[in-house]
Amino acid sequence: MTTERVMHLAHALAAVFAAAEQQGIDIGELRRQAIGGLIGNTSWQWVNAERVPGAIAEIESALWLLEREPEEAG
């Protein structure tokens, strides 16, 4: 995967969290549910266990991006 695509996906994930928050969804709870689902939701059969740690890191990274000051995020 290209670096550019990785950056696009990171921004897309951050946008999903930002939109969820604007809709009144608790993004902390959304984060916990997503990570919990990756770790142990057997109905999520598409999850590849080898990719779970990286996926969790990307969720955390997207939330960190939202918490940065606007001038830092530019």
Foldseek 3Di string as FASTA:
>chain_A
DDPVVVVVVLQVLLVVLVVCVVVVHDSVVVLVVVLCCLVDVVVPVVRDVVCSVVVNVSNVVSVVLVVDDPVVND
